[in-house]
Amino acid sequence: MDEKTKKDLKDAGEHTAHGIEDVIDVVGHGLGGAVKGMADGVETDSAKAQLRKGDD
């Protein structure tokens, strides 16, 4: 295999790795947002329950 082909394959592999990193980053942010949204919902429900509990 000549040097140009080796370099082309190496460059293609690096581009693929960067693409995969970007996908993982986006998915990670999406999951983080989903978890935060769920936590906010639980917090809101808990606060409502505490208010109702105080009405007893």
Protein backbone atom coordinates (compact mmCIF):
# COMPACT_ATOMS: atom_id res chain seq x y z
CA MET A 1 0.00 0.00 0.00
CA ASP A 2 1.47 3.35 -0.95
CA GLU A 3 1.81 6.29 1.43
CA LYS A 4 -1.03 8.30 -0.17
CA THR A 5 -3.49 5.44 0.33
CA LYS A 6 -2.36 5.02 3.95
CA LYS A 7 -2.83 8.75 4.57
CA ASP A 8 -6.26 8.74 2.88
CA LEU A 9 -7.40 5.80 5.03
CA LYS A 10 -6.04 7.42 8.18
CA ASP A 11 -7.82 10.70 7.36
CA ALA A 12 -11.08 8.88 6.62
CA GLY A 13 -10.81 7.05 9.96
CA GLU A 14 -10.23 10.33 11.80
CA HIS A 15 -13.25 11.92 10.13
CA THR A 16 -15.38 8.92 11.10
CA ALA A 17 -14.14 9.10 14.69
CA HIS A 18 -14.99 12.82 14.88
CA GLY A 19 -18.45 12.11 13.48
CA ILE A 20 -19.04 9.42 16.09
CA GLU A 21 -17.87 11.80 18.83
CA ASP A 22 -20.35 14.40 17.60
CA VAL A 23 -23.20 11.88 17.64
CA ILE A 24 -22.30 10.78 21.17
CA ASP A 25 -22.16 14.41 22.28
CA VAL A 26 -25.61 15.16 20.85
CA VAL A 27 -27.13 12.01 22.35
CA GLY A 28 -25.52 12.80 25.70
CA HIS A 29 -27.00 16.29 25.71
CA GLY A 30 -30.41 14.87 24.77
CA LEU A 31 -30.30 12.33 27.58
CA GLY A 32 -29.12 14.98 30.01
CA GLY A 33 -32.04 17.19 29.03
CA ALA A 34 -34.49 14.32 29.38
CA VAL A 35 -33.21 13.44 32.84
CA LYS A 36 -33.37 17.08 33.92
CA GLY A 37 -36.91 17.33 32.57
CA MET A 38 -37.95 14.25 34.52
CA ALA A 39 -36.29 15.57 37.67
CA ASP A 40 -38.07 18.92 37.25
CA GLY A 41 -41.38 17.08 36.87
CA VAL A 42 -40.77 15.03 40.00
CA GLU A 43 -39.81 18.18 41.90
CA THR A 44 -42.99 19.93 40.76
CA ASP A 45 -45.18 16.96 41.72
CA SER A 46 -43.44 16.74 45.08
CA ALA A 47 -44.06 20.43 45.73
CA LYS A 48 -47.75 20.02 44.85
CA ALA A 49 -48.00 17.03 47.19
CA GLN A 50 -46.43 19.06 50.00
CA LEU A 51 -48.94 21.86 49.44
CA ARG A 52 -51.84 19.40 49.57
CA LYS A 53 -50.33 17.78 52.65
CA GLY A 54 -50.30 21.18 54.37
CA ASP A 55 -54.02 21.60 53.66
CA ASP A 56 -54.88 18.60 55.87
